[in-house]
């Protein structure tokens, strides 16, 4: 164990490291990171409090298993070249695991942190030890190089220097770690919202984009939707378009165009039908059955839908035919804890601290408060599943949600 070299605690080291590797300003797209739930509590060790400002900087929290344990910080991001010996591996940004060590009981246990980080390489693409810079010895650096573990030195001012940089390895991440890839991608619910809760608004966007004329003008002309920005965001959310420096249709978006041409000859004629649906409260799968089937396909291509439908089917087979939102979250958390938290629970520091224990378990009583839930899931996504003919009831805004009465049941269980 290296000797202590400064006053930095483990939460402080971790907060500085997060700021360096996952900046909130100017950070890369396709980025998402969580700190372990032990840092969401008032104390990270008995008698060792965590400053509220540190907790706020470390949020959101989740208990994500990577390798044989739970990293202090785990996230997805394309890191700068000075942090990695190899900048990229494939098209996806790497999954990064960080073990932090700070000043405690007279020393900084850097070697233990290196070994813990090495264990995370069974599933992470890159792993680091982060510790007070002066506590890191040459022996530590040699061990880290041998194990392909990065070493980040943090000074008293909070500056972070890469003392050893790791090579990216090509591990496949666990199902739990894929929750972070989900959040980092275009379909993650963190800090995003469908904005609109009817599938026609999103199906219409690729049609208007493909047709001759300005997309916004066409969406308005055919009374598809006036909230163009929300429609565009939702179309990207559902994988119908790639919304980068320029908008491009995905293969799923192309299929919407093919569907429209096959039935109407042109996308403009297809858009004319949208005028007849304007303002209708009827379930979309009943109002326009063929379009409803297309909406069902699109919604089912959304990563969270298949998981939810599979678990609702299992609940039905177990005799739970009309589960409440609380029932669903508790059930799915048993099998997919990290994914459940990211999908349903808001990322605010106070919300995650209320809902999750230090060990990442749910406090069920807190789930009875509708305000702890992500609106994109419990309102917009649920409404989409209703209109596509998958669920029996619509969703509600969190402010109006009664979680114990909000039923999540399959319309057609098998």
Protein backbone atom coordinates (compact mmCIF):
# COMPACT_ATOMS: atom_id res chain seq x y z
CA UNK A 1 0.00 0.00 0.00
CA UNK A 2 1.45 3.36 -0.96
CA UNK A 3 1.94 6.01 1.68
CA UNK A 4 -0.55 8.83 1.99
CA UNK A 5 0.38 12.01 0.21
CA UNK A 6 -2.52 14.38 0.59
CA UNK A 7 -5.96 15.06 2.02
CA UNK A 8 -8.00 13.88 -0.98
CA UNK A 9 -10.70 11.41 -0.02
CA UNK A 10 -11.98 8.70 -2.34
CA UNK A 11 -15.18 10.61 -3.26
CA UNK A 12 -13.10 13.72 -4.02
CA UNK A 13 -10.71 11.75 -6.24
CA UNK A 14 -13.67 10.24 -8.02
CA UNK A 15 -15.39 13.59 -8.58
CA UNK A 16 -12.24 15.14 -10.09
CA UNK A 17 -11.76 12.07 -12.28
CA UNK A 18 -15.32 12.22 -13.56
CA UNK A 19 -14.91 15.89 -14.44
CA UNK A 20 -11.75 15.07 -16.45
CA UNK A 21 -12.95 11.95 -18.27
CA UNK A 22 -16.64 12.83 -18.61
CA UNK A 23 -16.90 16.62 -18.88
CA UNK A 24 -20.37 18.13 -18.82
CA UNK A 25 -19.36 20.84 -21.28
CA UNK A 26 -17.77 20.03 -24.60
CA UNK A 27 -18.06 16.31 -23.93
CA UNK A 28 -18.42 13.83 -26.76
CA UNK A 29 -21.80 12.60 -27.88
CA UNK A 30 -22.72 9.01 -27.05
CA UNK A 31 -21.50 9.54 -23.50
CA UNK A 32 -23.01 8.45 -20.20
CA UNK A 33 -21.52 7.72 -16.78
CA UNK A 34 -22.70 6.70 -13.31
CA UNK A 35 -21.03 6.54 -9.91
CA UNK A 36 -21.64 3.60 -7.61
CA UNK A 37 -24.53 3.91 -5.18
CA UNK A 38 -22.20 3.86 -2.16
CA UNK A 39 -21.39 7.49 -3.01
CA UNK A 40 -25.05 8.53 -3.05
CA UNK A 41 -25.29 8.22 0.73
CA UNK A 42 -24.43 10.82 3.37
CA UNK A 43 -21.35 8.77 4.30
CA UNK A 44 -19.20 6.59 2.04
CA UNK A 45 -17.68 4.92 5.11
CA UNK A 46 -18.90 5.14 8.73
CA UNK A 47 -17.86 8.52 10.05
CA UNK A 48 -16.67 9.72 6.63
CA UNK A 49 -19.28 12.10 5.20
CA UNK A 50 -19.60 13.05 1.54
CA UNK A 51 -20.03 16.74 0.83
CA UNK A 52 -23.32 17.54 -0.93
CA UNK A 53 -21.40 19.27 -3.75
CA UNK A 54 -19.40 16.08 -4.33
CA UNK A 55 -22.54 13.94 -4.42
CA UNK A 56 -24.11 16.35 -6.86
CA UNK A 57 -21.05 16.16 -9.12
CA UNK A 58 -21.00 12.36 -9.02
CA UNK A 59 -24.72 11.89 -9.84
CA UNK A 60 -26.39 9.94 -11.36
CA UNK A 61 -25.83 6.79 -9.32
CA UNK A 62 -26.32 3.12 -10.14
CA UNK A 63 -24.89 -0.20 -8.93
CA UNK A 64 -23.48 -1.72 -12.13
CA UNK A 65 -21.62 -5.01 -12.08
CA UNK A 66 -18.58 -5.16 -14.37
CA UNK A 67 -16.25 -8.13 -14.13
CA UNK A 68 -16.28 -9.50 -10.60
CA UNK A 69 -17.41 -6.35 -8.84
CA UNK A 70 -18.89 -2.89 -8.94
CA UNK A 71 -16.62 -0.08 -10.22
CA UNK A 72 -16.64 3.26 -8.42
CA UNK A 73 -17.30 4.95 -11.76
CA UNK A 74 -18.38 3.31 -15.00
CA UNK A 75 -19.34 4.96 -18.25
CA UNK A 76 -19.27 5.03 -22.02
CA UNK A 77 -17.37 7.67 -23.99
CA UNK A 78 -14.79 8.17 -26.76
CA UNK A 79 -11.81 9.35 -24.70
CA UNK A 80 -9.08 11.69 -25.87
CA UNK A 81 -5.88 10.17 -27.28
CA UNK A 82 -3.82 11.21 -24.23
CA UNK A 83 -5.93 8.86 -22.08
CA UNK A 84 -5.68 5.75 -24.24
CA UNK A 85 -2.83 3.94 -25.97
CA UNK A 86 -5.30 3.01 -28.74
CA UNK A 87 -7.96 5.61 -29.42
CA UNK A 88 -10.79 3.41 -30.63
CA UNK A 89 -11.90 -0.17 -31.07
CA UNK A 90 -14.71 -0.57 -33.60
CA UNK A 91 -17.61 1.82 -33.99
CA UNK A 92 -18.91 1.91 -30.43
CA UNK A 93 -17.31 4.09 -27.75
CA UNK A 94 -15.49 2.04 -25.09
CA UNK A 95 -16.93 1.00 -21.76
CA UNK A 96 -14.67 2.51 -19.10
CA UNK A 97 -14.35 1.36 -15.47
CA UNK A 98 -12.59 3.40 -12.78
CA UNK A 99 -11.54 2.41 -9.27
CA UNK A 100 -10.75 5.36 -7.01
CA UNK A 101 -8.55 5.34 -3.93
CA UNK A 102 -8.09 8.22 -1.54
CA UNK A 103 -6.67 9.20 1.78
CA UNK A 104 -7.94 6.83 4.48
CA UNK A 105 -6.45 5.51 7.74
CA UNK A 106 -3.00 6.87 6.99
CA UNK A 107 -2.57 5.50 3.48
CA UNK A 108 -3.83 5.14 -0.07
CA UNK A 109 -4.34 1.53 -1.11
CA UNK A 110 -3.23 1.99 -4.71
CA UNK A 111 -2.20 -1.62 -5.36
CA UNK A 112 -5.62 -2.91 -4.34
CA UNK A 113 -7.18 -0.37 -6.69
CA UNK A 114 -5.02 -1.57 -9.58
CA UNK A 115 -6.00 -5.19 -8.96
CA UNK A 116 -9.69 -4.21 -8.74
CA UNK A 117 -9.41 -2.28 -12.00
CA UNK A 118 -7.74 -5.27 -13.65
CA UNK A 119 -10.69 -7.45 -12.63
CA UNK A 120 -13.04 -5.07 -14.46
CA UNK A 121 -11.20 -5.80 -17.73
CA UNK A 122 -13.10 -9.09 -17.95
CA UNK A 123 -15.95 -6.97 -19.34
CA UNK A 124 -14.79 -3.34 -19.64
CA UNK A 125 -12.83 -2.06 -22.64
CA UNK A 126 -10.53 0.09 -20.48
CA UNK A 127 -9.93 0.31 -16.73
CA UNK A 128 -8.16 2.85 -14.53
CA UNK A 129 -6.95 3.45 -11.01
CA UNK A 130 -7.49 7.06 -9.91
CA UNK A 131 -5.61 8.19 -6.80
CA UNK A 132 -3.77 11.18 -5.29
CA UNK A 133 -0.81 11.75 -7.61
CA UNK A 134 1.89 11.82 -4.91
CA UNK A 135 0.67 8.51 -3.50
CA UNK A 136 1.36 6.65 -6.75
CA UNK A 137 4.75 4.92 -6.73
CA UNK A 138 6.91 3.58 -9.55
CA UNK A 139 6.02 0.10 -8.33
CA UNK A 140 2.34 0.96 -8.78
CA UNK A 141 2.99 2.18 -12.30
CA UNK A 142 4.97 -0.93 -13.21
CA UNK A 143 2.21 -3.21 -11.91
CA UNK A 144 -0.42 -1.22 -13.81
CA UNK A 145 1.55 -1.44 -17.08
CA UNK A 146 1.88 -5.21 -16.68
CA UNK A 147 -1.87 -5.55 -16.10
CA UNK A 148 -2.92 -3.03 -18.80
CA UNK A 149 -4.53 -0.74 -16.23
CA UNK A 150 -4.45 3.04 -16.66
CA UNK A 151 -3.28 5.23 -13.80
CA UNK A 152 -4.72 8.71 -13.19
CA UNK A 153 -2.96 10.98 -10.73
CA UNK A 154 -5.11 13.63 -9.05
CA UNK A 155 -3.46 16.61 -7.35
CA UNK A 156 -4.77 18.77 -4.52
CA UNK A 157 -6.11 21.34 -7.00
CA UNK A 158 -8.19 18.67 -8.72
CA UNK A 159 -6.09 18.40 -11.88
CA UNK A 160 -5.93 14.89 -13.33
CA UNK A 161 -2.90 13.54 -15.19
CA UNK A 162 -2.70 10.24 -17.07
CA UNK A 163 0.46 8.61 -15.66
CA UNK A 164 -0.15 5.30 -17.43
CA UNK A 165 -2.52 4.82 -20.37
CA UNK A 166 -4.19 1.48 -21.08
CA UNK A 167 -4.81 -0.28 -24.35
CA UNK A 168 -8.43 -0.85 -25.30
CA UNK A 169 -9.44 -4.48 -25.16
CA UNK A 170 -12.31 -5.98 -27.10
CA UNK A 171 -14.45 -7.46 -24.36
CA UNK A 172 -18.19 -7.86 -24.76
CA UNK A 173 -19.96 -6.13 -21.92
CA UNK A 174 -22.41 -7.82 -19.59
CA UNK A 175 -26.14 -7.32 -19.86
CA UNK A 176 -25.91 -4.98 -16.87
CA UNK A 177 -23.23 -2.82 -18.46
CA UNK A 178 -25.30 -2.56 -21.64
CA UNK A 179 -27.64 -0.32 -19.63
CA UNK A 180 -24.96 2.36 -19.89
CA UNK A 181 -24.53 1.83 -23.63
CA UNK A 182 -28.30 2.18 -23.91
CA UNK A 183 -28.21 5.51 -22.07
CA UNK A 184 -25.22 6.75 -24.08
CA UNK A 185 -26.93 6.05 -27.38
CA UNK A 186 -29.62 8.00 -29.20
CA UNK A 187 -32.34 5.90 -27.55
CA UNK A 188 -31.30 6.47 -23.95
CA UNK A 189 -33.81 8.22 -21.73
CA UNK A 190 -31.28 10.27 -19.74
CA UNK A 191 -31.98 13.99 -20.14
CA UNK A 192 -34.17 13.23 -23.15
CA UNK A 193 -37.87 12.93 -23.75
CA UNK A 194 -40.07 11.82 -26.58
CA UNK A 195 -41.85 15.14 -26.10
CA UNK A 196 -44.86 13.73 -27.97
CA UNK A 197 -46.82 10.61 -27.14
CA UNK A 198 -48.40 9.52 -30.43
CA UNK A 199 -46.53 7.34 -32.96
CA UNK A 200 -47.97 9.18 -35.97
CA UNK A 201 -45.87 12.21 -35.03
CA UNK A 202 -42.70 10.19 -35.45
CA UNK A 203 -43.75 8.11 -38.45
CA UNK A 204 -44.60 11.32 -40.24
CA UNK A 205 -41.14 12.81 -39.77
CA UNK A 206 -39.22 10.52 -42.18
CA UNK A 207 -42.04 10.94 -44.72
CA UNK A 208 -41.81 14.73 -44.55
CA UNK A 209 -38.02 14.57 -44.66
CA UNK A 210 -38.12 12.37 -47.76
CA UNK A 211 -40.80 14.39 -49.60
CA UNK A 212 -40.03 17.43 -51.74
CA UNK A 213 -40.11 20.59 -49.66
CA UNK A 214 -39.10 21.81 -46.22
CA UNK A 215 -39.71 19.18 -43.55
CA UNK A 216 -41.22 21.61 -41.06
CA UNK A 217 -43.55 23.10 -43.66
CA UNK A 218 -44.79 19.68 -44.74
CA UNK A 219 -45.39 18.53 -41.17
CA UNK A 220 -47.54 21.61 -40.62
CA UNK A 221 -49.28 21.49 -44.00
CA UNK A 222 -50.47 17.92 -43.56
CA UNK A 223 -51.32 18.53 -39.86
CA UNK A 224 -48.89 15.83 -38.77
CA UNK A 225 -47.43 17.88 -35.92
CA UNK A 226 -46.39 21.46 -35.20
CA UNK A 227 -43.74 20.58 -32.61
CA UNK A 228 -41.09 19.85 -35.24
CA UNK A 229 -38.15 19.71 -32.83
CA UNK A 230 -39.91 17.14 -30.64
CA UNK A 231 -40.89 15.10 -33.70
CA UNK A 232 -37.30 15.12 -34.94
CA UNK A 233 -35.93 14.14 -31.52
CA UNK A 234 -38.49 11.37 -31.19
CA UNK A 235 -37.78 10.03 -34.68
CA UNK A 236 -34.11 9.75 -33.71
CA UNK A 237 -35.10 8.25 -30.36
CA UNK A 238 -37.02 5.50 -32.15
CA UNK A 239 -34.23 4.86 -34.65
CA UNK A 240 -36.02 6.25 -37.72
CA UNK A 241 -33.36 8.86 -38.48
CA UNK A 242 -29.72 9.56 -37.69
CA UNK A 243 -29.70 13.09 -36.34
CA UNK A 244 -26.11 14.26 -36.71
CA UNK A 245 -24.62 17.14 -38.67
CA UNK A 246 -27.26 16.26 -41.24
CA UNK A 247 -30.40 14.16 -40.98
CA UNK A 248 -30.32 10.79 -42.70
CA UNK A 249 -32.91 8.03 -42.75
CA UNK A 250 -31.94 4.78 -41.06
CA UNK A 251 -32.84 1.39 -42.50
CA UNK A 252 -35.94 1.50 -40.30
CA UNK A 253 -36.78 4.96 -41.67
CA UNK A 254 -36.32 3.63 -45.19
CA UNK A 255 -38.85 0.92 -44.39
CA UNK A 256 -41.41 3.60 -43.45
CA UNK A 257 -40.90 5.15 -46.90
CA UNK A 258 -41.28 1.77 -48.62
CA UNK A 259 -44.46 1.12 -46.63
CA UNK A 260 -45.93 4.48 -47.69
CA UNK A 261 -45.01 4.08 -51.37
CA UNK A 262 -46.39 0.54 -51.53
CA UNK A 263 -49.80 1.67 -50.27
CA UNK A 264 -50.13 5.19 -51.66
CA UNK A 265 -47.70 5.46 -54.55
CA UNK A 266 -46.04 8.60 -53.12
CA UNK A 267 -45.15 9.80 -49.65
CA UNK A 268 -47.19 12.96 -50.26
CA UNK A 269 -50.35 10.91 -50.67
CA UNK A 270 -49.45 9.02 -47.53
CA UNK A 271 -49.09 12.28 -45.65
CA UNK A 272 -52.58 13.31 -46.74
CA UNK A 273 -54.02 10.55 -44.59
CA UNK A 274 -52.38 12.07 -41.51
CA UNK A 275 -54.83 14.97 -41.75
CA UNK A 276 -57.72 12.57 -41.06
CA UNK A 277 -56.05 11.40 -37.82
CA UNK A 278 -55.46 14.86 -36.41
CA UNK A 279 -56.88 15.18 -32.88
CA UNK A 280 -58.31 11.66 -32.71
CA UNK A 281 -58.11 10.10 -29.20
CA UNK A 282 -58.62 6.58 -30.58
CA UNK A 283 -55.94 3.93 -30.18
CA UNK A 284 -53.74 4.17 -33.28
CA UNK A 285 -53.74 0.42 -33.94
CA UNK A 286 -57.55 0.62 -34.22
CA UNK A 287 -57.74 3.98 -35.99
CA UNK A 288 -55.32 2.94 -38.75
CA UNK A 289 -54.60 -0.80 -38.40
CA UNK A 290 -51.89 -1.06 -41.08
CA UNK A 291 -50.08 2.00 -39.78
CA UNK A 292 -50.58 0.64 -36.30
CA UNK A 293 -48.74 -2.54 -37.26
CA UNK A 294 -45.91 -0.43 -38.67
CA UNK A 295 -45.83 1.56 -35.41
CA UNK A 296 -45.69 -1.72 -33.52
CA UNK A 297 -42.67 -2.80 -35.51
CA UNK A 298 -40.93 0.54 -34.92
CA UNK A 299 -41.66 0.55 -31.19
CA UNK A 300 -40.54 -3.07 -30.87
CA UNK A 301 -37.21 -2.13 -32.43
CA UNK A 302 -36.65 0.16 -29.44
CA UNK A 303 -34.32 -1.73 -27.09
CA UNK A 304 -36.40 -1.34 -23.95
CA UNK A 305 -39.64 -2.60 -25.50
CA UNK A 306 -38.55 -6.21 -25.99
CA UNK A 307 -37.25 -6.41 -22.42
CA UNK A 308 -40.47 -4.97 -20.97
CA UNK A 309 -42.74 -7.21 -23.03
CA UNK A 310 -40.73 -10.30 -22.10
CA UNK A 311 -40.87 -9.51 -18.39
CA UNK A 312 -44.59 -8.60 -18.50
CA UNK A 313 -45.23 -11.95 -20.18
CA UNK A 314 -43.29 -13.71 -17.40
CA UNK A 315 -45.32 -11.84 -14.80
CA UNK A 316 -48.54 -12.91 -16.54
CA UNK A 317 -47.41 -16.53 -16.50
CA UNK A 318 -46.64 -16.14 -12.79
CA UNK A 319 -50.25 -15.05 -12.19
CA UNK A 320 -49.65 -11.30 -12.07
CA UNK A 321 -52.10 -10.26 -14.79
CA UNK A 322 -52.50 -6.54 -14.01
CA UNK A 323 -49.21 -5.43 -12.42
CA UNK A 324 -48.83 -1.89 -11.16
CA UNK A 325 -45.85 0.26 -12.11
CA UNK A 326 -44.33 -0.51 -8.69
CA UNK A 327 -44.78 -4.25 -9.32
CA UNK A 328 -43.11 -3.98 -12.71
CA UNK A 329 -40.11 -1.99 -11.50
CA UNK A 330 -39.55 -4.33 -8.53
CA UNK A 331 -39.89 -7.42 -10.75
CA UNK A 332 -37.63 -6.25 -13.58
CA UNK A 333 -35.05 -4.96 -11.10
CA UNK A 334 -34.58 -8.50 -9.82
CA UNK A 335 -33.32 -9.62 -13.23
CA UNK A 336 -31.96 -6.42 -14.82
CA UNK A 337 -31.16 -4.06 -11.94
CA UNK A 338 -28.96 -1.52 -13.73
CA UNK A 339 -31.16 -1.36 -16.81
CA UNK A 340 -34.29 -0.95 -14.68
CA UNK A 341 -32.83 1.99 -12.78
CA UNK A 342 -31.69 3.73 -15.97
CA UNK A 343 -35.00 3.13 -17.75
CA UNK A 344 -37.42 4.07 -14.99
CA UNK A 345 -35.74 6.19 -12.31
CA UNK A 346 -34.79 9.83 -12.81
CA UNK A 347 -31.06 10.51 -12.61
CA UNK A 348 -31.27 13.38 -10.11
CA UNK A 349 -28.91 12.94 -7.16
CA UNK A 350 -31.68 13.25 -4.57
CA UNK A 351 -34.01 10.87 -6.44
CA UNK A 352 -31.46 8.07 -6.88
CA UNK A 353 -30.35 8.55 -3.24
CA UNK A 354 -33.97 8.15 -2.10
CA UNK A 355 -34.76 5.15 -4.28
CA UNK A 356 -31.51 3.15 -4.02
CA UNK A 357 -29.67 1.83 -0.99
CA UNK A 358 -25.87 1.86 -0.75
CA UNK A 359 -25.89 -1.65 -2.25
CA UNK A 360 -28.15 -0.70 -5.15
CA UNK A 361 -31.31 -2.27 -3.74
CA UNK A 362 -34.69 -0.57 -4.20
CA UNK A 363 -36.50 1.19 -1.39
CA UNK A 364 -39.96 0.06 -2.46
CA UNK A 365 -41.84 2.71 -0.50
CA UNK A 366 -40.12 5.44 -2.53
CA UNK A 367 -41.47 3.89 -5.76
CA UNK A 368 -44.96 4.92 -4.70
CA UNK A 369 -44.08 8.56 -5.49
CA UNK A 370 -44.72 9.28 -9.16
CA UNK A 371 -42.13 12.04 -9.21
CA UNK A 372 -39.21 9.59 -9.00
CA UNK A 373 -39.89 8.25 -12.52
CA UNK A 374 -38.54 9.19 -15.96
CA UNK A 375 -41.33 10.84 -17.94
CA UNK A 376 -40.03 9.42 -21.27
CA UNK A 377 -40.70 5.92 -19.93
CA UNK A 378 -43.83 6.14 -17.80
CA UNK A 379 -45.64 8.68 -19.99
CA UNK A 380 -44.40 8.83 -23.57
CA UNK A 381 -43.08 5.28 -24.05
CA UNK A 382 -46.11 3.78 -22.34
CA UNK A 383 -48.42 5.86 -24.55
CA UNK A 384 -46.53 4.59 -27.60
CA UNK A 385 -46.93 0.99 -26.43
CA UNK A 386 -50.64 1.64 -25.92
CA UNK A 387 -51.15 3.10 -29.40
CA UNK A 388 -49.15 0.25 -30.96
CA UNK A 389 -51.57 -2.23 -29.36
CA UNK A 390 -49.06 -3.69 -26.89
CA UNK A 391 -50.28 -2.38 -23.50
CA UNK A 392 -53.82 -2.00 -22.17
CA UNK A 393 -53.54 1.56 -20.81
CA UNK A 394 -51.86 4.87 -21.62
CA UNK A 395 -49.15 6.56 -19.58
CA UNK A 396 -49.35 9.56 -17.25
CA UNK A 397 -47.09 12.48 -16.50
CA UNK A 398 -45.07 11.79 -13.30
CA UNK A 399 -46.83 14.69 -11.55
CA UNK A 400 -50.18 12.97 -12.11
CA UNK A 401 -48.95 9.39 -11.77
CA UNK A 402 -50.30 7.03 -9.11
CA UNK A 403 -47.71 4.23 -9.32
CA UNK A 404 -49.72 1.70 -7.28
CA UNK A 405 -52.72 2.18 -9.60
CA UNK A 406 -50.86 2.57 -12.91
CA UNK A 407 -51.39 -0.77 -14.66
CA UNK A 408 -48.76 -2.19 -17.03
CA UNK A 409 -50.46 -5.19 -18.62
CA UNK A 410 -50.06 -6.80 -22.03
CA UNK A 411 -53.10 -6.44 -24.25
CA UNK A 412 -52.43 -9.82 -25.82
CA UNK A 413 -50.42 -12.08 -23.48
CA UNK A 414 -49.50 -15.48 -24.90
